[in-house]
Amino acid sequence: MAITKATASSIAPAVKGDLVVGSATNDAAVLAVGTNGQVLTADSTATTGLAYTTISAGGANWSLLNSGGTALTGAQTITVSGISGKDQIMVLVQGASSASASSYIYLRLNTDTASNYYQYGPNMTAPSSYSVNSFEAFTGQDTGVVIGRMSSNAASNVFGYALLSGCNASGQKIFNSAGTGRPGGGNGQEVAVTGGYYDSSSTISSISLFSSTGNFDAGTVFVYTSA
């Protein structure tokens, strides 16, 4: 029921900022002004259908999911699970190493090994001698996000990161990543600086690091999350 001029005029707000509004009893009522910084919002549970509320603080609030990090050793795939209700995920890869030389280190989501990862950007190789093939590009589908590649020496390792967003939604998940293999006395290590998306409607519940050749024998992965 709309507030008529007569009904509204019979109620006099006593405080600066008070509002005359309709109520559940179809009469006019006074809604007291909120506190500084609050906003007026629709609220079907309130008598007047309106209420002053405090806006939650914005911005990402990051925390480390796997306290102390997870060791990369003893298996070809290392998984960190227990991710729930998180929109953003930051994966930091520190010194990932396979027992085999020249291994690519991949990031995978929800242990998905299908070609659902679309990655675009430069791929740089450090061979024993320069060639035009030292600079290449990632151009589409793969079975994971390439973080970097070890050199021809098994003592090499990989450092890098990936930042993902939209992880708690049903749409595609967007990522950007960068990483590189270190020479460790060899050559052929690769650098990847890319962005792209993960084509799946599933929310993210786990991340995995995968060694394309041989089991991991060193390194740590840290997983940070934010709602």
C-alpha atoms as a PDB file:
ATOM      1  CA  MET A   1       0.000   0.000   0.000  1.00  0.00           C
ATOM      2  CA  ALA A   2       1.380   3.401  -0.932  1.00  0.00           C
ATOM      3  CA  ILE A   3       1.785   5.911   1.860  1.00  0.00           C
ATOM      4  CA  THR A   4      -0.753   8.669   1.442  1.00  0.00           C
ATOM      5  CA  LYS A   5       0.048  12.270   2.151  1.00  0.00           C
ATOM      6  CA  ALA A   6      -2.307  12.267   5.126  1.00  0.00           C
ATOM      7  CA  THR A   7      -0.882   9.100   6.615  1.00  0.00           C
ATOM      8  CA  ALA A   8       2.691  10.218   6.164  1.00  0.00           C
ATOM      9  CA  SER A   9       2.041  13.631   7.633  1.00  0.00           C
ATOM     10  CA  SER A  10       0.731  12.073  10.833  1.00  0.00           C
ATOM     11  CA  ILE A  11       4.170  10.681  11.588  1.00  0.00           C
ATOM     12  CA  ALA A  12       7.001  13.059  12.315  1.00  0.00           C
ATOM     13  CA  PRO A  13      10.578  11.695  12.211  1.00  0.00           C
ATOM     14  CA  ALA A  14      12.339  12.815  15.374  1.00  0.00           C
ATOM     15  CA  VAL A  15      15.951  12.372  14.262  1.00  0.00           C
ATOM     16  CA  LYS A  16      17.844  13.697  11.273  1.00  0.00           C
ATOM     17  CA  GLY A  17      17.956  11.002   8.619  1.00  0.00           C
ATOM     18  CA  ASP A  18      14.889   9.059   9.807  1.00  0.00           C
ATOM     19  CA  LEU A  19      12.640   7.895   6.966  1.00  0.00           C
ATOM     20  CA  VAL A  20       8.860   7.558   6.720  1.00  0.00           C
ATOM     21  CA  VAL A  21       8.168   4.212   5.045  1.00  0.00           C
ATOM     22  CA  GLY A  22       5.358   1.706   4.621  1.00  0.00           C
ATOM     23  CA  SER A  23       5.046  -1.124   7.149  1.00  0.00           C
ATOM     24  CA  ALA A  24       3.679  -4.661   7.274  1.00  0.00           C
ATOM     25  CA  THR A  25       0.400  -3.315   8.693  1.00  0.00           C
ATOM     26  CA  ASN A  26      -0.135  -1.037   5.674  1.00  0.00           C
ATOM     27  CA  ASP A  27       0.486   2.025   7.792  1.00  0.00           C
ATOM     28  CA  ALA A  28       3.313   4.508   7.668  1.00  0.00           C
ATOM     29  CA  ALA A  29       6.225   3.977  10.037  1.00  0.00           C
ATOM     30  CA  VAL A  30       9.478   5.669  10.896  1.00  0.00           C
ATOM     31  CA  LEU A  31      12.678   3.850   9.996  1.00  0.00           C
ATOM     32  CA  ALA A  32      15.480   5.099  12.230  1.00  0.00           C
ATOM     33  CA  VAL A  33      18.627   6.240  10.473  1.00  0.00           C
ATOM     34  CA  GLY A  34      21.514   3.779  10.457  1.00  0.00           C
ATOM     35  CA  THR A  35      25.024   4.372  11.708  1.00  0.00           C
ATOM     36  CA  ASN A  36      27.781   6.028   9.680  1.00  0.00           C
ATOM     37  CA  GLY A  37      28.805   3.963   6.675  1.00  0.00           C
ATOM     38  CA  GLN A  38      25.741   1.693   6.629  1.00  0.00           C
ATOM     39  CA  VAL A  39      23.581   1.340   3.516  1.00  0.00           C
ATOM     40  CA  LEU A  40      19.822   0.968   3.094  1.00  0.00           C
ATOM     41  CA  THR A  41      18.881  -2.441   1.704  1.00  0.00           C
ATOM     42  CA  ALA A  42      15.731  -4.434   0.986  1.00  0.00           C
ATOM     43  CA  ASP A  43      14.995  -6.882   3.829  1.00  0.00           C
ATOM     44  CA  SER A  44      11.788  -8.931   3.652  1.00  0.00           C
ATOM     45  CA  THR A  45      12.142  -9.990   7.314  1.00  0.00           C
ATOM     46  CA  ALA A  46      11.951  -6.380   8.559  1.00  0.00           C
ATOM     47  CA  THR A  47       8.591  -4.799   9.399  1.00  0.00           C
ATOM     48  CA  THR A  48       9.116  -2.048   6.843  1.00  0.00           C
ATOM     49  CA  GLY A  49      10.834  -4.246   4.252  1.00  0.00           C
ATOM     50  CA  LEU A  50      13.967  -2.122   4.618  1.00  0.00           C
ATOM     51  CA  ALA A  51      16.992  -2.190   6.891  1.00  0.00           C
ATOM     52  CA  TYR A  52      20.332  -0.468   7.334  1.00  0.00           C
ATOM     53  CA  THR A  53      23.251  -2.889   7.018  1.00  0.00           C
ATOM     54  CA  THR A  54      27.008  -2.749   7.284  1.00  0.00           C
ATOM     55  CA  ILE A  55      28.900  -3.644   4.112  1.00  0.00           C
ATOM     56  CA  SER A  56      31.450  -6.394   4.576  1.00  0.00           C
ATOM     57  CA  ALA A  57      35.045  -5.413   4.012  1.00  0.00           C
ATOM     58  CA  GLY A  58      36.057  -6.094   0.410  1.00  0.00           C
ATOM     59  CA  GLY A  59      39.231  -7.470  -1.077  1.00  0.00           C
ATOM     60  CA  ALA A  60      40.919 -10.854  -1.024  1.00  0.00           C
ATOM     61  CA  ASN A  61      41.788 -12.428   2.308  1.00  0.00           C
ATOM     62  CA  TRP A  62      44.532 -14.961   1.634  1.00  0.00           C
ATOM     63  CA  SER A  63      45.567 -17.855   3.871  1.00  0.00           C
ATOM     64  CA  LEU A  64      47.893 -20.830   3.458  1.00  0.00           C
ATOM     65  CA  LEU A  65      45.835 -23.996   3.026  1.00  0.00           C
ATOM     66  CA  ASN A  66      48.611 -26.573   3.446  1.00  0.00           C
ATOM     67  CA  SER A  67      50.527 -25.357   6.484  1.00  0.00           C
ATOM     68  CA  GLY A  68      54.279 -25.596   5.914  1.00  0.00           C
ATOM     69  CA  GLY A  69      53.751 -26.674   2.316  1.00  0.00           C
ATOM     70  CA  THR A  70      53.496 -30.153   0.812  1.00  0.00           C
ATOM     71  CA  ALA A  71      56.660 -32.073  -0.037  1.00  0.00           C
ATOM     72  CA  LEU A  72      57.115 -33.101  -3.673  1.00  0.00           C
ATOM     73  CA  THR A  73      58.641 -36.536  -3.337  1.00  0.00           C
ATOM     74  CA  GLY A  74      57.958 -40.218  -3.897  1.00  0.00           C
ATOM     75  CA  ALA A  75      55.257 -40.060  -6.603  1.00  0.00           C
ATOM     76  CA  GLN A  76      54.685 -38.772 -10.112  1.00  0.00           C
ATOM     77  CA  THR A  77      51.568 -36.850  -8.999  1.00  0.00           C
ATOM     78  CA  ILE A  78      51.313 -34.952  -5.692  1.00  0.00           C
ATOM     79  CA  THR A  79      47.831 -33.712  -4.738  1.00  0.00           C
ATOM     80  CA  VAL A  80      46.708 -31.118  -2.208  1.00  0.00           C
ATOM     81  CA  SER A  81      42.992 -31.520  -1.470  1.00  0.00           C
ATOM     82  CA  GLY A  82      40.548 -29.966   1.008  1.00  0.00           C
ATOM     83  CA  ILE A  83      39.832 -26.846  -1.086  1.00  0.00           C
ATOM     84  CA  SER A  84      36.221 -25.735  -0.571  1.00  0.00           C
ATOM     85  CA  GLY A  85      34.293 -22.543  -1.301  1.00  0.00           C
ATOM     86  CA  LYS A  86      37.351 -20.618  -2.522  1.00  0.00           C
ATOM     87  CA  ASP A  87      37.186 -18.207  -5.441  1.00  0.00           C
ATOM     88  CA  GLN A  88      40.933 -17.642  -5.844  1.00  0.00           C
ATOM     89  CA  ILE A  89      43.867 -20.050  -5.527  1.00  0.00           C
ATOM     90  CA  MET A  90      47.569 -19.231  -5.639  1.00  0.00           C
ATOM     91  CA  VAL A  91      49.963 -22.155  -6.179  1.00  0.00           C
ATOM     92  CA  LEU A  92      53.663 -21.570  -5.467  1.00  0.00           C
ATOM     93  CA  VAL A  93      56.115 -24.200  -6.720  1.00  0.00           C
ATOM     94  CA  GLN A  94      59.492 -24.210  -4.987  1.00  0.00           C
ATOM     95  CA  GLY A  95      62.339 -26.344  -6.309  1.00  0.00           C
ATOM     96  CA  ALA A  96      60.210 -29.066  -7.921  1.00  0.00           C
ATOM     97  CA  SER A  97      62.446 -31.840  -9.214  1.00  0.00           C
ATOM     98  CA  SER A  98      61.965 -35.228 -10.826  1.00  0.00           C
ATOM     99  CA  ALA A  99      64.406 -38.098 -10.521  1.00  0.00           C
ATOM    100  CA  SER A 100      64.482 -38.001 -14.336  1.00  0.00           C
ATOM    101  CA  ALA A 101      66.009 -35.217 -16.414  1.00  0.00           C
ATOM    102  CA  SER A 102      64.055 -32.958 -18.790  1.00  0.00           C
ATOM    103  CA  SER A 103      60.731 -33.486 -17.015  1.00  0.00           C
ATOM    104  CA  TYR A 104      57.903 -31.008 -17.518  1.00  0.00           C
ATOM    105  CA  ILE A 105      56.197 -29.911 -14.293  1.00  0.00           C
ATOM    106  CA  TYR A 106      52.457 -29.505 -14.758  1.00  0.00           C
ATOM    107  CA  LEU A 107      49.677 -28.104 -12.574  1.00  0.00           C
ATOM    108  CA  ARG A 108      46.373 -29.986 -12.693  1.00  0.00           C
ATOM    109  CA  LEU A 109      42.979 -29.269 -11.133  1.00  0.00           C
ATOM    110  CA  ASN A 110      40.678 -31.849  -9.530  1.00  0.00           C
ATOM    111  CA  THR A 111      43.136 -34.546 -10.721  1.00  0.00           C
ATOM    112  CA  ASP A 112      41.819 -33.932 -14.255  1.00  0.00           C
ATOM    113  CA  THR A 113      44.192 -35.470 -16.827  1.00  0.00           C
ATOM    114  CA  ALA A 114      42.074 -34.592 -19.898  1.00  0.00           C
ATOM    115  CA  SER A 115      42.947 -31.857 -22.394  1.00  0.00           C
ATOM    116  CA  ASN A 116      40.811 -29.229 -20.647  1.00  0.00           C
ATOM    117  CA  TYR A 117      43.593 -26.690 -20.051  1.00  0.00           C
ATOM    118  CA  TYR A 118      43.922 -23.867 -22.578  1.00  0.00           C
ATOM    119  CA  GLN A 119      47.276 -22.106 -22.235  1.00  0.00           C
ATOM    120  CA  TYR A 120      48.644 -19.207 -24.293  1.00  0.00           C
ATOM    121  CA  GLY A 121      51.941 -17.338 -24.113  1.00  0.00           C
ATOM    122  CA  PRO A 122      55.682 -17.577 -24.712  1.00  0.00           C
ATOM    123  CA  ASN A 123      57.734 -20.737 -24.274  1.00  0.00           C
ATOM    124  CA  MET A 124      61.504 -20.233 -24.127  1.00  0.00           C
ATOM    125  CA  THR A 125      64.122 -23.001 -24.228  1.00  0.00           C
ATOM    126  CA  ALA A 126      67.787 -22.767 -23.220  1.00  0.00           C
ATOM    127  CA  PRO A 127      69.578 -25.206 -25.557  1.00  0.00           C
ATOM    128  CA  SER A 128      73.344 -25.701 -25.775  1.00  0.00           C
ATOM    129  CA  SER A 129      73.318 -23.399 -28.809  1.00  0.00           C
ATOM    130  CA  TYR A 130      70.758 -20.806 -29.832  1.00  0.00           C
ATOM    131  CA  SER A 131      68.313 -21.508 -32.648  1.00  0.00           C
ATOM    132  CA  VAL A 132      65.045 -20.063 -33.911  1.00  0.00           C
ATOM    133  CA  ASN A 133      63.289 -22.823 -31.997  1.00  0.00           C
ATOM    134  CA  SER A 134      64.547 -21.393 -28.712  1.00  0.00           C
ATOM    135  CA  PHE A 135      61.463 -19.134 -28.737  1.00  0.00           C
ATOM    136  CA  GLU A 136      58.115 -20.827 -29.183  1.00  0.00           C
ATOM    137  CA  ALA A 137      54.542 -20.363 -27.985  1.00  0.00           C
ATOM    138  CA  PHE A 138      51.838 -22.254 -26.155  1.00  0.00           C
ATOM    139  CA  THR A 139      48.819 -22.149 -28.437  1.00  0.00           C
ATOM    140  CA  GLY A 140      45.971 -24.071 -26.864  1.00  0.00           C
ATOM    141  CA  GLN A 141      44.934 -27.358 -25.291  1.00  0.00           C
ATOM    142  CA  ASP A 142      47.076 -29.430 -22.962  1.00  0.00           C
ATOM    143  CA  THR A 143      46.639 -31.949 -20.152  1.00  0.00           C
ATOM    144  CA  GLY A 144      47.739 -29.427 -17.525  1.00  0.00           C
ATOM    145  CA  VAL A 145      49.227 -25.987 -16.989  1.00  0.00           C
ATOM    146  CA  VAL A 146      52.967 -26.108 -17.760  1.00  0.00           C
ATOM    147  CA  ILE A 147      54.921 -24.446 -14.946  1.00  0.00           C
ATOM    148  CA  GLY A 148      58.365 -25.149 -16.421  1.00  0.00           C
ATOM    149  CA  ARG A 149      60.721 -27.850 -17.621  1.00  0.00           C
ATOM    150  CA  MET A 150      63.864 -29.237 -16.021  1.00  0.00           C
ATOM    151  CA  SER A 151      67.138 -29.234 -17.931  1.00  0.00           C
ATOM    152  CA  SER A 152      68.971 -32.270 -19.312  1.00  0.00           C
ATOM    153  CA  ASN A 153      70.524 -32.738 -15.860  1.00  0.00           C
ATOM    154  CA  ALA A 154      68.415 -34.522 -13.226  1.00  0.00           C
ATOM    155  CA  ALA A 155      69.857 -32.087 -10.657  1.00  0.00           C
ATOM    156  CA  SER A 156      67.759 -29.345 -12.271  1.00  0.00           C
ATOM    157  CA  ASN A 157      64.565 -28.087 -10.629  1.00  0.00           C
ATOM    158  CA  VAL A 158      61.590 -25.824 -11.369  1.00  0.00           C
ATOM    159  CA  PHE A 159      60.290 -22.696  -9.646  1.00  0.00           C
ATOM    160  CA  GLY A 160      57.029 -20.967 -10.553  1.00  0.00           C
ATOM    161  CA  TYR A 161      53.474 -20.034  -9.679  1.00  0.00           C
ATOM    162  CA  ALA A 162      49.893 -20.084 -10.935  1.00  0.00           C
ATOM    163  CA  LEU A 163      47.059 -17.761  -9.898  1.00  0.00           C
ATOM    164  CA  LEU A 164      43.520 -19.003 -10.545  1.00  0.00           C
ATOM    165  CA  SER A 165      40.177 -17.208 -10.191  1.00  0.00           C
ATOM    166  CA  GLY A 166      36.538 -18.285 -10.463  1.00  0.00           C
ATOM    167  CA  CYS A 167      37.389 -21.549  -8.704  1.00  0.00           C
ATOM    168  CA  ASN A 168      34.106 -21.740  -6.766  1.00  0.00           C
ATOM    169  CA  ALA A 169      31.854 -21.028  -9.762  1.00  0.00           C
ATOM    170  CA  SER A 170      30.400 -23.238 -12.467  1.00  0.00           C
ATOM    171  CA  GLY A 171      32.038 -21.311 -15.309  1.00  0.00           C
ATOM    172  CA  GLN A 172      35.515 -21.535 -16.768  1.00  0.00           C
ATOM    173  CA  LYS A 173      38.425 -20.930 -14.396  1.00  0.00           C
ATOM    174  CA  ILE A 174      40.922 -18.266 -15.461  1.00  0.00           C
ATOM    175  CA  PHE A 175      44.629 -18.529 -14.659  1.00  0.00           C
ATOM    176  CA  ASN A 176      47.944 -16.842 -15.242  1.00  0.00           C
ATOM    177  CA  SER A 177      51.220 -18.567 -14.534  1.00  0.00           C
ATOM    178  CA  ALA A 178      54.962 -18.252 -14.860  1.00  0.00           C
ATOM    179  CA  GLY A 179      57.842 -20.583 -14.121  1.00  0.00           C
ATOM    180  CA  THR A 180      61.196 -21.876 -15.270  1.00  0.00           C
ATOM    181  CA  GLY A 181      63.545 -24.775 -15.003  1.00  0.00           C
ATOM    182  CA  ARG A 182      67.046 -24.118 -13.714  1.00  0.00           C
ATOM    183  CA  PRO A 183      70.072 -25.544 -15.582  1.00  0.00           C
ATOM    184  CA  GLY A 184      71.592 -27.558 -12.735  1.00  0.00           C
ATOM    185  CA  GLY A 185      74.615 -28.165 -14.936  1.00  0.00           C
ATOM    186  CA  GLY A 186      72.588 -29.133 -18.001  1.00  0.00           C
ATOM    187  CA  ASN A 187      70.670 -27.341 -20.737  1.00  0.00           C
ATOM    188  CA  GLY A 188      67.298 -27.466 -22.451  1.00  0.00           C
ATOM    189  CA  GLN A 189      65.368 -26.099 -19.483  1.00  0.00           C
ATOM    190  CA  GLU A 190      62.202 -24.203 -20.441  1.00  0.00           C
ATOM    191  CA  VAL A 191      60.476 -21.015 -19.303  1.00  0.00           C
ATOM    192  CA  ALA A 192      56.685 -20.613 -19.496  1.00  0.00           C
ATOM    193  CA  VAL A 193      54.859 -17.298 -19.011  1.00  0.00           C
ATOM    194  CA  THR A 194      51.232 -17.904 -19.856  1.00  0.00           C
ATOM    195  CA  GLY A 195      47.570 -17.243 -19.223  1.00  0.00           C
ATOM    196  CA  GLY A 196      44.442 -19.133 -20.140  1.00  0.00           C
ATOM    197  CA  TYR A 197      41.497 -21.027 -18.754  1.00  0.00           C
ATOM    198  CA  TYR A 198      40.425 -24.405 -17.397  1.00  0.00           C
ATOM    199  CA  ASP A 199      37.335 -25.600 -19.273  1.00  0.00           C
ATOM    200  CA  SER A 200      35.235 -27.326 -16.606  1.00  0.00           C
ATOM    201  CA  SER A 201      32.010 -26.535 -14.755  1.00  0.00           C
ATOM    202  CA  SER A 202      33.222 -28.282 -11.572  1.00  0.00           C
ATOM    203  CA  THR A 203      34.313 -26.176  -8.626  1.00  0.00           C
ATOM    204  CA  ILE A 204      37.938 -26.705  -7.603  1.00  0.00           C
ATOM    205  CA  SER A 205      38.490 -29.051  -4.662  1.00  0.00           C
ATOM    206  CA  SER A 206      42.147 -30.010  -5.212  1.00  0.00           C
ATOM    207  CA  ILE A 207      45.318 -29.103  -7.076  1.00  0.00           C
ATOM    208  CA  SER A 208      48.020 -31.489  -8.231  1.00  0.00           C
ATOM    209  CA  LEU A 209      51.577 -31.205  -9.484  1.00  0.00           C
ATOM    210  CA  PHE A 210      52.550 -33.752 -12.109  1.00  0.00           C
ATOM    211  CA  SER A 211      55.999 -34.746 -13.364  1.00  0.00           C
ATOM    212  CA  SER A 212      55.861 -35.798 -17.016  1.00  0.00           C
ATOM    213  CA  THR A 213      58.842 -38.138 -16.575  1.00  0.00           C
ATOM    214  CA  GLY A 214      59.667 -40.010 -13.368  1.00  0.00           C
ATOM    215  CA  ASN A 215      58.664 -39.447  -9.754  1.00  0.00           C
ATOM    216  CA  PHE A 216      59.280 -36.244  -7.836  1.00  0.00           C
ATOM    217  CA  ASP A 217      62.361 -36.377  -5.650  1.00  0.00           C
ATOM    218  CA  ALA A 218      62.483 -32.835  -4.209  1.00  0.00           C
ATOM    219  CA  GLY A 219      60.578 -29.588  -3.843  1.00  0.00           C
ATOM    220  CA  THR A 220      57.604 -28.064  -2.050  1.00  0.00           C
ATOM    221  CA  VAL A 221      54.227 -26.745  -3.167  1.00  0.00           C
ATOM    222  CA  PHE A 222      52.358 -24.053  -1.223  1.00  0.00           C
ATOM    223  CA  VAL A 223      48.635 -23.494  -1.813  1.00  0.00           C
ATOM    224  CA  TYR A 224      47.086 -20.170  -0.797  1.00  0.00           C
ATOM    225  CA  THR A 225      43.324 -19.601  -1.036  1.00  0.00           C
ATOM    226  CA  SER A 226      40.888 -16.715  -0.762  1.00  0.00           C
ATOM    227  CA  ALA A 227      37.068 -16.739  -0.697  1.00  0.00           C
END
